[in-house]
Amino acid sequence: MANIGRVMEVEELREVAGGITEWARRVLELRNEEGFQILTHNDRSDLKQGQYLLEDPKPRPAFQRAISKELRAQILDRNGFTCQMCGAAAGEPHPDDPGRKTRLHIGHIVDKSMGGTDDYSNLRAICSVCNEGAANLTADRPTSLKLLVQIRRASATEQVEVLKWLVTKYPKQAKSLLDDRQD
């Protein structure tokens, strides 16, 4: 509150957080759940990445968390327990940060601050790494052709790993394909 109207840098916020590793998540909570207008480069073009600005000490009405445990489970199951931005699977080492296990959250495709809802069709699984930098972005899903090109470029060992994963993920379809080949 002592810094209202003053642009603060990431380093200052880390220092104030005193060792809290997920300080950026706390900033989001202050913004989205407690209603403080903490602006970033996504909100104002004059702010650079890593700069934050608290404009007003008075919070605006905060968003309520309305995603039930049941809806969360449905979203995670629908999305195959993988991040819909980078493809990282829950519990595995994150591809962009191998020292960190992938933790999934439920995120909005169209953010609530931009009029999005908590409807099933507007929710997706997103990992903590992508969620920290999501900033209302939606990555395009790769087409089957693009995926096949990438798999073809991989080594035989990697291709077998993909096959194993697909057979585990879709056992009924794999069995059906094998049965069709034997006919």
N, C-alpha and C. Protein backbone atom coordinates (compact mmCIF):
# COMPACT_ATOMS: atom_id res chain seq x y z
N MET A 1 0.82 -1.20 0.00
CA MET A 1 0.00 0.00 0.00
C MET A 1 0.87 1.27 0.00
N ALA A 2 2.10 1.13 0.47
CA ALA A 2 2.99 2.29 0.49
C ALA A 2 3.48 2.66 -0.90
N ASN A 3 3.19 1.83 -1.88
CA ASN A 3 3.70 2.05 -3.24
C ASN A 3 2.60 2.31 -4.26
N ILE A 4 1.47 2.80 -3.82
CA ILE A 4 0.36 3.08 -4.74
C ILE A 4 0.81 4.13 -5.75
N GLY A 5 0.57 3.80 -7.04
CA GLY A 5 0.92 4.73 -8.11
C GLY A 5 2.37 4.65 -8.55
N ARG A 6 3.16 3.79 -7.91
CA ARG A 6 4.58 3.65 -8.26
C ARG A 6 4.81 2.32 -8.94
N VAL A 7 5.49 2.33 -10.07
CA VAL A 7 5.82 1.09 -10.79
C VAL A 7 6.85 0.32 -9.98
N MET A 8 6.53 -0.96 -9.73
CA MET A 8 7.44 -1.83 -8.99
C MET A 8 7.97 -2.91 -9.92
N GLU A 9 9.24 -3.25 -9.74
CA GLU A 9 9.89 -4.26 -10.56
C GLU A 9 9.81 -5.62 -9.87
N VAL A 10 10.00 -6.68 -10.66
CA VAL A 10 9.96 -8.05 -10.17
C VAL A 10 10.90 -8.24 -8.98
N GLU A 11 12.12 -7.69 -9.08
CA GLU A 11 13.11 -7.89 -8.01
C GLU A 11 12.60 -7.35 -6.68
N GLU A 12 11.92 -6.20 -6.71
CA GLU A 12 11.37 -5.64 -5.47
C GLU A 12 10.30 -6.55 -4.89
N LEU A 13 9.45 -7.09 -5.73
CA LEU A 13 8.38 -7.96 -5.26
C LEU A 13 8.93 -9.27 -4.70
N ARG A 14 9.96 -9.81 -5.34
CA ARG A 14 10.60 -11.03 -4.81
C ARG A 14 11.17 -10.77 -3.42
N GLU A 15 11.81 -9.62 -3.27
CA GLU A 15 12.41 -9.27 -1.98
C GLU A 15 11.33 -9.12 -0.91
N VAL A 16 10.24 -8.46 -1.26
CA VAL A 16 9.13 -8.27 -0.31
C VAL A 16 8.51 -9.62 0.05
N ALA A 17 8.45 -10.54 -0.94
CA ALA A 17 7.84 -11.86 -0.70
C ALA A 17 8.65 -12.69 0.28
N GLY A 18 9.94 -12.36 0.44
CA GLY A 18 10.76 -13.03 1.44
C GLY A 18 10.84 -14.53 1.29
N GLY A 19 11.16 -15.02 0.11
CA GLY A 19 11.35 -16.45 -0.07
C GLY A 19 10.14 -17.21 -0.55
N ILE A 20 9.00 -16.56 -0.70
CA ILE A 20 7.83 -17.24 -1.24
C ILE A 20 8.10 -17.47 -2.73
N THR A 21 8.18 -18.74 -3.13
CA THR A 21 8.57 -19.05 -4.50
C THR A 21 7.49 -18.73 -5.52
N GLU A 22 6.24 -18.83 -5.14
CA GLU A 22 5.16 -18.55 -6.08
C GLU A 22 4.56 -17.17 -5.81
N TRP A 23 5.41 -16.17 -5.68
CA TRP A 23 4.94 -14.81 -5.40
C TRP A 23 4.07 -14.27 -6.53
N ALA A 24 4.35 -14.70 -7.77
CA ALA A 24 3.55 -14.22 -8.91
C ALA A 24 2.11 -14.70 -8.79
N ARG A 25 1.92 -15.91 -8.27
CA ARG A 25 0.57 -16.42 -8.05
C ARG A 25 -0.14 -15.58 -7.01
N ARG A 26 0.58 -15.17 -5.99
CA ARG A 26 -0.03 -14.33 -4.94
C ARG A 26 -0.46 -12.98 -5.52
N VAL A 27 0.33 -12.43 -6.44
CA VAL A 27 -0.05 -11.18 -7.09
C VAL A 27 -1.37 -11.39 -7.85
N LEU A 28 -1.49 -12.53 -8.54
CA LEU A 28 -2.73 -12.83 -9.24
C LEU A 28 -3.90 -12.97 -8.28
N GLU A 29 -3.66 -13.60 -7.13
CA GLU A 29 -4.72 -13.74 -6.14
C GLU A 29 -5.16 -12.38 -5.61
N LEU A 30 -4.19 -11.51 -5.33
CA LEU A 30 -4.53 -10.16 -4.86
C LEU A 30 -5.35 -9.43 -5.92
N ARG A 31 -5.00 -9.67 -7.16
CA ARG A 31 -5.67 -9.00 -8.27
C ARG A 31 -7.06 -9.59 -8.52
N ASN A 32 -7.13 -10.88 -8.72
CA ASN A 32 -8.37 -11.51 -9.15
C ASN A 32 -9.32 -11.89 -8.03
N GLU A 33 -8.77 -12.26 -6.88
CA GLU A 33 -9.63 -12.74 -5.81
C GLU A 33 -9.92 -11.67 -4.77
N GLU A 34 -8.99 -10.77 -4.57
CA GLU A 34 -9.22 -9.72 -3.58
C GLU A 34 -9.54 -8.39 -4.23
N GLY A 35 -9.45 -8.33 -5.56
CA GLY A 35 -9.93 -7.19 -6.30
C GLY A 35 -9.01 -5.99 -6.45
N PHE A 36 -7.72 -6.13 -6.06
CA PHE A 36 -6.82 -4.99 -6.20
C PHE A 36 -6.44 -4.80 -7.67
N GLN A 37 -6.41 -3.57 -8.12
CA GLN A 37 -6.09 -3.27 -9.51
C GLN A 37 -4.58 -3.18 -9.67
N ILE A 38 -3.96 -4.35 -9.77
CA ILE A 38 -2.52 -4.44 -9.99
C ILE A 38 -2.33 -4.62 -11.50
N LEU A 39 -1.77 -3.61 -12.13
CA LEU A 39 -1.63 -3.61 -13.58
C LEU A 39 -0.27 -4.15 -14.00
N THR A 40 -0.24 -4.77 -15.18
CA THR A 40 1.00 -5.29 -15.77
C THR A 40 1.09 -4.80 -17.21
N HIS A 41 2.12 -5.26 -17.91
CA HIS A 41 2.29 -4.89 -19.31
C HIS A 41 1.12 -5.37 -20.18
N ASN A 42 0.35 -6.34 -19.69
CA ASN A 42 -0.82 -6.80 -20.43
C ASN A 42 -1.98 -5.81 -20.33
N ASP A 43 -1.93 -4.96 -19.31
CA ASP A 43 -3.01 -3.99 -19.10
C ASP A 43 -2.67 -2.61 -19.65
N ARG A 44 -1.40 -2.26 -19.60
CA ARG A 44 -0.97 -0.93 -20.07
C ARG A 44 0.30 -1.04 -20.89
N SER A 45 0.30 -0.42 -22.04
CA SER A 45 1.44 -0.55 -22.95
C SER A 45 2.69 0.16 -22.44
N ASP A 46 2.54 1.11 -21.52
CA ASP A 46 3.72 1.81 -21.01
C ASP A 46 4.47 1.00 -19.94
N LEU A 47 3.88 -0.09 -19.48
CA LEU A 47 4.56 -0.95 -18.51
C LEU A 47 5.32 -2.03 -19.26
N LYS A 48 6.53 -2.31 -18.80
CA LYS A 48 7.34 -3.36 -19.41
C LYS A 48 7.06 -4.67 -18.70
N GLN A 49 7.45 -5.77 -19.34
CA GLN A 49 7.28 -7.07 -18.71
C GLN A 49 8.06 -7.08 -17.40
N GLY A 50 7.44 -7.58 -16.34
CA GLY A 50 8.09 -7.62 -15.03
C GLY A 50 7.84 -6.37 -14.20
N GLN A 51 7.00 -5.46 -14.68
CA GLN A 51 6.64 -4.27 -13.92
C GLN A 51 5.18 -4.37 -13.48
N TYR A 52 4.92 -3.91 -12.26
CA TYR A 52 3.58 -3.97 -11.68
C TYR A 52 3.24 -2.59 -11.12
N LEU A 53 1.95 -2.26 -11.19
CA LEU A 53 1.49 -0.97 -10.71
C LEU A 53 0.16 -1.13 -10.01
N LEU A 54 0.11 -0.72 -8.73
CA LEU A 54 -1.14 -0.69 -7.98
C LEU A 54 -1.67 0.73 -8.08
N GLU A 55 -2.76 0.91 -8.81
CA GLU A 55 -3.28 2.26 -9.08
C GLU A 55 -4.12 2.82 -7.93
N ASP A 56 -4.89 1.95 -7.30
CA ASP A 56 -5.89 2.42 -6.35
C ASP A 56 -5.89 1.52 -5.12
N PRO A 57 -5.88 2.09 -3.90
CA PRO A 57 -5.88 1.24 -2.70
C PRO A 57 -7.22 0.54 -2.47
N LYS A 58 -8.26 1.04 -3.12
CA LYS A 58 -9.59 0.47 -2.90
C LYS A 58 -9.82 -0.68 -3.88
N PRO A 59 -10.06 -1.89 -3.36
CA PRO A 59 -10.29 -3.03 -4.26
C PRO A 59 -11.64 -2.91 -4.96
N ARG A 60 -11.71 -3.42 -6.17
CA ARG A 60 -12.99 -3.51 -6.89
C ARG A 60 -13.60 -4.85 -6.50
N PRO A 61 -14.84 -5.10 -6.85
CA PRO A 61 -15.43 -6.40 -6.50
C PRO A 61 -14.60 -7.54 -7.06
N ALA A 62 -14.31 -8.49 -6.21
CA ALA A 62 -13.45 -9.61 -6.61
C ALA A 62 -14.28 -10.72 -7.23
N PHE A 63 -13.61 -11.57 -8.01
CA PHE A 63 -14.27 -12.72 -8.60
C PHE A 63 -14.40 -13.81 -7.55
N GLN A 64 -15.50 -14.51 -7.60
CA GLN A 64 -15.65 -15.66 -6.71
C GLN A 64 -15.18 -16.90 -7.45
N ARG A 65 -14.63 -17.82 -6.67
CA ARG A 65 -14.26 -19.11 -7.27
C ARG A 65 -15.52 -19.94 -7.33
N ALA A 66 -15.93 -20.27 -8.54
CA ALA A 66 -17.19 -21.00 -8.70
C ALA A 66 -16.99 -22.34 -9.39
N ILE A 67 -15.77 -22.80 -9.49
CA ILE A 67 -15.51 -24.06 -10.17
C ILE A 67 -15.53 -25.17 -9.12
N SER A 68 -16.52 -26.04 -9.22
CA SER A 68 -16.66 -27.12 -8.24
C SER A 68 -15.60 -28.19 -8.45
N LYS A 69 -15.44 -29.03 -7.44
CA LYS A 69 -14.49 -30.15 -7.55
C LYS A 69 -14.91 -31.08 -8.68
N GLU A 70 -16.22 -31.28 -8.84
CA GLU A 70 -16.72 -32.15 -9.90
C GLU A 70 -16.39 -31.59 -11.28
N LEU A 71 -16.61 -30.28 -11.47
CA LEU A 71 -16.32 -29.65 -12.75
C LEU A 71 -14.82 -29.69 -13.03
N ARG A 72 -14.03 -29.44 -12.00
CA ARG A 72 -12.56 -29.52 -12.14
C ARG A 72 -12.15 -30.90 -12.62
N ALA A 73 -12.70 -31.94 -12.00
CA ALA A 73 -12.38 -33.32 -12.39
C ALA A 73 -12.80 -33.59 -13.83
N GLN A 74 -13.95 -33.09 -14.25
CA GLN A 74 -14.42 -33.29 -15.63
C GLN A 74 -13.48 -32.62 -16.63
N ILE A 75 -13.03 -31.39 -16.31
CA ILE A 75 -12.13 -30.65 -17.20
C ILE A 75 -10.80 -31.39 -17.32
N LEU A 76 -10.23 -31.81 -16.19
CA LEU A 76 -8.95 -32.53 -16.21
C LEU A 76 -9.07 -33.82 -17.02
N ASP A 77 -10.16 -34.55 -16.83
CA ASP A 77 -10.37 -35.80 -17.57
C ASP A 77 -10.53 -35.51 -19.06
N ARG A 78 -11.34 -34.52 -19.40
CA ARG A 78 -11.54 -34.16 -20.81
C ARG A 78 -10.22 -33.79 -21.49
N ASN A 79 -9.36 -33.09 -20.76
CA ASN A 79 -8.09 -32.63 -21.31
C ASN A 79 -6.96 -33.64 -21.12
N GLY A 80 -7.29 -34.85 -20.70
CA GLY A 80 -6.30 -35.92 -20.59
C GLY A 80 -5.22 -35.64 -19.57
N PHE A 81 -5.53 -34.84 -18.54
CA PHE A 81 -4.57 -34.50 -17.48
C PHE A 81 -3.29 -33.92 -18.07
N THR A 82 -3.45 -33.11 -19.12
CA THR A 82 -2.31 -32.44 -19.75
C THR A 82 -2.62 -30.96 -19.93
N CYS A 83 -1.58 -30.15 -19.89
CA CYS A 83 -1.71 -28.72 -20.10
C CYS A 83 -2.12 -28.48 -21.55
N GLN A 84 -3.14 -27.68 -21.75
CA GLN A 84 -3.64 -27.40 -23.08
C GLN A 84 -2.84 -26.34 -23.82
N MET A 85 -1.80 -25.80 -23.18
CA MET A 85 -0.94 -24.85 -23.86
C MET A 85 0.37 -25.49 -24.29
N CYS A 86 1.00 -26.26 -23.39
CA CYS A 86 2.33 -26.81 -23.73
C CYS A 86 2.32 -28.33 -23.84
N GLY A 87 1.24 -29.00 -23.39
CA GLY A 87 1.16 -30.45 -23.50
C GLY A 87 1.78 -31.22 -22.36
N ALA A 88 2.31 -30.54 -21.34
CA ALA A 88 2.93 -31.23 -20.20
C ALA A 88 1.88 -32.03 -19.44
N ALA A 89 2.25 -33.22 -19.00
CA ALA A 89 1.33 -34.09 -18.27
C ALA A 89 1.52 -33.91 -16.76
N ALA A 90 0.43 -34.00 -16.04
CA ALA A 90 0.44 -33.84 -14.59
C ALA A 90 1.42 -34.81 -13.94
N GLY A 91 2.24 -34.30 -13.03
CA GLY A 91 3.16 -35.12 -12.26
C GLY A 91 4.49 -35.39 -12.92
N GLU A 92 4.59 -35.17 -14.23
CA GLU A 92 5.86 -35.39 -14.93
C GLU A 92 6.73 -34.14 -14.84
N PRO A 93 8.05 -34.28 -15.03
CA PRO A 93 8.89 -33.07 -15.07
C PRO A 93 8.42 -32.15 -16.20
N HIS A 94 8.37 -30.86 -15.93
CA HIS A 94 7.88 -29.91 -16.93
C HIS A 94 8.93 -29.74 -18.02
N PRO A 95 8.51 -29.77 -19.31
CA PRO A 95 9.48 -29.67 -20.40
C PRO A 95 10.28 -28.36 -20.41
N ASP A 96 9.69 -27.28 -19.94
CA ASP A 96 10.38 -25.99 -19.92
C ASP A 96 11.14 -25.74 -18.63
N ASP A 97 10.88 -26.57 -17.61
CA ASP A 97 11.53 -26.41 -16.31
C ASP A 97 11.67 -27.81 -15.70
N PRO A 98 12.63 -28.62 -16.18
CA PRO A 98 12.73 -30.02 -15.78
C PRO A 98 12.88 -30.26 -14.27
N GLY A 99 13.32 -29.27 -13.53
CA GLY A 99 13.45 -29.42 -12.09
C GLY A 99 12.12 -29.27 -11.36
N ARG A 100 11.07 -29.03 -12.09
CA ARG A 100 9.76 -28.75 -11.51
C ARG A 100 8.74 -29.73 -12.07
N LYS A 101 7.98 -30.40 -11.18
CA LYS A 101 6.94 -31.32 -11.63
C LYS A 101 5.75 -30.50 -12.11
N THR A 102 5.09 -31.02 -13.12
CA THR A 102 3.94 -30.33 -13.70
C THR A 102 2.75 -30.40 -12.75
N ARG A 103 2.24 -29.22 -12.41
CA ARG A 103 1.02 -29.10 -11.60
C ARG A 103 -0.04 -28.45 -12.47
N LEU A 104 -1.21 -29.08 -12.54
CA LEU A 104 -2.27 -28.54 -13.38
C LEU A 104 -3.27 -27.73 -12.57
N HIS A 105 -3.76 -26.70 -13.22
CA HIS A 105 -4.80 -25.84 -12.67
C HIS A 105 -5.92 -25.79 -13.70
N ILE A 106 -7.03 -25.22 -13.32
CA ILE A 106 -8.11 -24.98 -14.26
C ILE A 106 -8.06 -23.51 -14.64
N GLY A 107 -7.95 -23.23 -15.92
CA GLY A 107 -7.88 -21.86 -16.40
C GLY A 107 -9.00 -21.55 -17.37
N HIS A 108 -9.24 -20.29 -17.54
CA HIS A 108 -10.27 -19.82 -18.47
C HIS A 108 -9.68 -19.61 -19.85
N ILE A 109 -10.41 -19.98 -20.87
CA ILE A 109 -9.98 -19.70 -22.25
C ILE A 109 -10.16 -18.21 -22.50
N VAL A 110 -11.37 -17.70 -22.21
CA VAL A 110 -11.60 -16.25 -22.22
C VAL A 110 -11.64 -15.86 -20.75
N ASP A 111 -10.67 -15.06 -20.30
CA ASP A 111 -10.54 -14.72 -18.89
C ASP A 111 -11.79 -14.02 -18.35
N LYS A 112 -12.04 -14.22 -17.07
CA LYS A 112 -13.19 -13.58 -16.44
C LYS A 112 -13.11 -12.07 -16.52
N SER A 113 -11.89 -11.53 -16.49
CA SER A 113 -11.74 -10.09 -16.58
C SER A 113 -12.14 -9.56 -17.96
N MET A 114 -12.24 -10.47 -18.92
CA MET A 114 -12.63 -10.09 -20.28
C MET A 114 -14.02 -10.61 -20.62
N GLY A 115 -14.78 -10.96 -19.59
CA GLY A 115 -16.16 -11.40 -19.79
C GLY A 115 -16.35 -12.90 -19.88
N GLY A 116 -15.31 -13.68 -19.68
CA GLY A 116 -15.43 -15.13 -19.73
C GLY A 116 -16.22 -15.68 -18.55
N THR A 117 -16.72 -16.90 -18.72
CA THR A 117 -17.55 -17.52 -17.68
C THR A 117 -16.87 -18.77 -17.14
N ASP A 118 -17.50 -19.37 -16.14
CA ASP A 118 -17.01 -20.61 -15.55
C ASP A 118 -17.67 -21.82 -16.20
N ASP A 119 -18.18 -21.67 -17.42
CA ASP A 119 -18.81 -22.77 -18.13
C ASP A 119 -17.78 -23.80 -18.57
N TYR A 120 -18.21 -25.03 -18.66
CA TYR A 120 -17.39 -26.16 -19.09
C TYR A 120 -16.63 -25.83 -20.38
N SER A 121 -17.31 -25.20 -21.32
CA SER A 121 -16.70 -24.92 -22.63
C SER A 121 -15.65 -23.81 -22.58
N ASN A 122 -15.60 -23.05 -21.48
CA ASN A 122 -14.63 -21.95 -21.37
C ASN A 122 -13.49 -22.29 -20.41
N LEU A 123 -13.39 -23.54 -20.02
CA LEU A 123 -12.36 -23.95 -19.06
C LEU A 123 -11.42 -24.95 -19.70
N ARG A 124 -10.17 -24.95 -19.24
CA ARG A 124 -9.16 -25.87 -19.74
C ARG A 124 -8.16 -26.18 -18.65
N ALA A 125 -7.47 -27.30 -18.80
CA ALA A 125 -6.36 -27.63 -17.91
C ALA A 125 -5.15 -26.84 -18.38
N ILE A 126 -4.45 -26.25 -17.44
CA ILE A 126 -3.25 -25.46 -17.76
C ILE A 126 -2.25 -25.65 -16.64
N CYS A 127 -0.99 -25.83 -16.99
CA CYS A 127 0.04 -26.07 -15.96
C CYS A 127 0.43 -24.75 -15.30
N SER A 128 1.07 -24.86 -14.15
CA SER A 128 1.44 -23.65 -13.40
C SER A 128 2.45 -22.80 -14.16
N VAL A 129 3.34 -23.43 -14.96
CA VAL A 129 4.33 -22.66 -15.72
C VAL A 129 3.62 -21.80 -16.77
N CYS A 130 2.72 -22.42 -17.54
CA CYS A 130 1.99 -21.66 -18.56
C CYS A 130 1.01 -20.67 -17.93
N ASN A 131 0.41 -21.07 -16.82
CA ASN A 131 -0.56 -20.20 -16.16
C ASN A 131 0.08 -18.91 -15.65
N GLU A 132 1.34 -19.00 -15.21
CA GLU A 132 2.03 -17.81 -14.73
C GLU A 132 2.24 -16.80 -15.84
N GLY A 133 2.40 -17.28 -17.06
CA GLY A 133 2.64 -16.37 -18.17
C GLY A 133 1.52 -16.34 -19.19
N ALA A 134 0.38 -16.91 -18.85
CA ALA A 134 -0.70 -17.05 -19.82
C ALA A 134 -1.21 -15.70 -20.32
N ALA A 135 -1.47 -14.80 -19.43
CA ALA A 135 -1.90 -13.45 -19.80
C ALA A 135 -2.98 -13.46 -20.87
N ASN A 136 -3.98 -14.29 -20.68
CA ASN A 136 -5.13 -14.35 -21.58
C ASN A 136 -4.76 -14.77 -23.00
N LEU A 137 -3.69 -15.54 -23.15
CA LEU A 137 -3.30 -16.04 -24.46
C LEU A 137 -3.83 -17.45 -24.65
N THR A 138 -4.12 -17.81 -25.85
CA THR A 138 -4.54 -19.16 -26.15
C THR A 138 -3.67 -19.68 -27.28
N ALA A 139 -2.91 -20.72 -27.01
CA ALA A 139 -2.07 -21.32 -28.04
C ALA A 139 -2.95 -22.16 -28.96
N ASP A 140 -2.64 -22.13 -30.25
CA ASP A 140 -3.36 -22.95 -31.19
C ASP A 140 -3.00 -24.41 -30.96
N ARG A 141 -4.00 -25.27 -31.09
CA ARG A 141 -3.73 -26.70 -30.97
C ARG A 141 -3.08 -27.18 -32.25
N PRO A 142 -2.09 -28.07 -32.13
CA PRO A 142 -1.45 -28.57 -33.35
C PRO A 142 -2.40 -29.48 -34.12
N THR A 143 -2.32 -29.45 -35.43
CA THR A 143 -3.11 -30.34 -36.27
C THR A 143 -2.48 -31.73 -36.26
N SER A 144 -3.23 -32.72 -36.72
CA SER A 144 -2.68 -34.08 -36.78
C SER A 144 -1.48 -34.12 -37.73
N LEU A 145 -1.54 -33.36 -38.82
CA LEU A 145 -0.42 -33.33 -39.75
C LEU A 145 0.84 -32.79 -39.09
N LYS A 146 0.70 -31.71 -38.31
CA LYS A 146 1.85 -31.13 -37.63
C LYS A 146 2.42 -32.12 -36.60
N LEU A 147 1.53 -32.81 -35.89
CA LEU A 147 1.99 -33.81 -34.92
C LEU A 147 2.73 -34.95 -35.62
N LEU A 148 2.18 -35.42 -36.74
CA LEU A 148 2.82 -36.51 -37.47
C LEU A 148 4.19 -36.10 -38.00
N VAL A 149 4.31 -34.88 -38.46
CA VAL A 149 5.61 -34.38 -38.94
C VAL A 149 6.62 -34.42 -37.80
N GLN A 150 6.21 -33.97 -36.62
CA GLN A 150 7.12 -33.97 -35.47
C GLN A 150 7.51 -35.40 -35.06
N ILE A 151 6.54 -36.29 -35.08
CA ILE A 151 6.82 -37.68 -34.70
C ILE A 151 7.76 -38.32 -35.72
N ARG A 152 7.55 -38.05 -36.99
CA ARG A 152 8.42 -38.61 -38.03
C ARG A 152 9.85 -38.11 -37.89
N ARG A 153 10.02 -36.91 -37.40
CA ARG A 153 11.36 -36.33 -37.22
C ARG A 153 12.08 -36.93 -36.02
N ALA A 154 11.33 -37.51 -35.10
CA ALA A 154 11.91 -38.06 -33.88
C ALA A 154 12.64 -39.38 -34.17
N SER A 155 13.48 -39.75 -33.22
CA SER A 155 14.19 -41.03 -33.35
C SER A 155 13.20 -42.19 -33.20
N ALA A 156 13.61 -43.37 -33.62
CA ALA A 156 12.76 -44.56 -33.50
C ALA A 156 12.39 -44.82 -32.04
N THR A 157 13.33 -44.61 -31.14
CA THR A 157 13.06 -44.81 -29.71
C THR A 157 11.96 -43.86 -29.23
N GLU A 158 12.04 -42.61 -29.66
CA GLU A 158 11.01 -41.63 -29.27
C GLU A 158 9.67 -41.97 -29.90
N GLN A 159 9.69 -42.45 -31.15
CA GLN A 159 8.44 -42.83 -31.81
C GLN A 159 7.77 -43.99 -31.08
N VAL A 160 8.56 -44.95 -30.61
CA VAL A 160 8.01 -46.08 -29.84
C VAL A 160 7.41 -45.57 -28.53
N GLU A 161 8.05 -44.59 -27.89
CA GLU A 161 7.50 -44.01 -26.66
C GLU A 161 6.13 -43.36 -26.93
N VAL A 162 6.01 -42.67 -28.05
CA VAL A 162 4.73 -42.07 -28.43
C VAL A 162 3.69 -43.16 -28.66
N LEU A 163 4.08 -44.22 -29.35
CA LEU A 163 3.17 -45.34 -29.59
C LEU A 163 2.70 -45.96 -28.28
N LYS A 164 3.63 -46.20 -27.36
CA LYS A 164 3.27 -46.76 -26.05
C LYS A 164 2.27 -45.87 -25.34
N TRP A 165 2.52 -44.57 -25.38
CA TRP A 165 1.61 -43.62 -24.72
C TRP A 165 0.23 -43.68 -25.37
N LEU A 166 0.17 -43.70 -26.69
CA LEU A 166 -1.11 -43.74 -27.40
C LEU A 166 -1.88 -45.02 -27.08
N VAL A 167 -1.18 -46.16 -27.05
CA VAL A 167 -1.83 -47.44 -26.75
C VAL A 167 -2.37 -47.43 -25.32
N THR A 168 -1.61 -46.85 -24.40
CA THR A 168 -2.06 -46.75 -23.00
C THR A 168 -3.25 -45.80 -22.89
N LYS A 169 -3.20 -44.70 -23.61
CA LYS A 169 -4.26 -43.68 -23.55
C LYS A 169 -5.54 -44.17 -24.22
N TYR A 170 -5.40 -44.92 -25.34
CA TYR A 170 -6.55 -45.36 -26.12
C TYR A 170 -6.52 -46.89 -26.33
N PRO A 171 -6.64 -47.67 -25.27
CA PRO A 171 -6.51 -49.13 -25.42
C PRO A 171 -7.59 -49.76 -26.31
N LYS A 172 -8.83 -49.29 -26.21
CA LYS A 172 -9.92 -49.87 -27.02
C LYS A 172 -9.68 -49.61 -28.51
N GLN A 173 -9.30 -48.37 -28.83
CA GLN A 173 -9.06 -48.02 -30.23
C GLN A 173 -7.86 -48.79 -30.79
N ALA A 174 -6.82 -48.97 -29.96
CA ALA A 174 -5.63 -49.70 -30.40
C ALA A 174 -5.99 -51.16 -30.68
N LYS A 175 -6.78 -51.75 -29.80
CA LYS A 175 -7.20 -53.14 -30.00
C LYS A 175 -8.04 -53.26 -31.27
N SER A 176 -8.93 -52.32 -31.47
CA SER A 176 -9.78 -52.33 -32.66
C SER A 176 -8.94 -52.23 -33.94
N LEU A 177 -7.95 -51.36 -33.95
CA LEU A 177 -7.06 -51.22 -35.10
C LEU A 177 -6.30 -52.50 -35.37
N LEU A 178 -5.82 -53.15 -34.31
CA LEU A 178 -5.08 -54.41 -34.48
C LEU A 178 -6.01 -55.52 -35.00
N ASP A 179 -7.24 -55.55 -34.50
CA ASP A 179 -8.21 -56.54 -34.96
C ASP A 179 -8.53 -56.34 -36.44
N ASP A 180 -8.66 -55.08 -36.87
CA ASP A 180 -8.95 -54.76 -38.27
C ASP A 180 -7.81 -55.20 -39.18
N ARG A 181 -6.58 -55.08 -38.72
CA ARG A 181 -5.40 -55.47 -39.52
C ARG A 181 -5.33 -56.98 -39.71
N GLN A 182 -5.84 -57.73 -38.72
CA GLN A 182 -5.78 -59.19 -38.78
C GLN A 182 -6.85 -59.74 -39.72
N ASP A 183 -7.86 -58.95 -40.02
CA ASP A 183 -8.96 -59.41 -40.89
C ASP A 183 -8.59 -59.41 -42.32
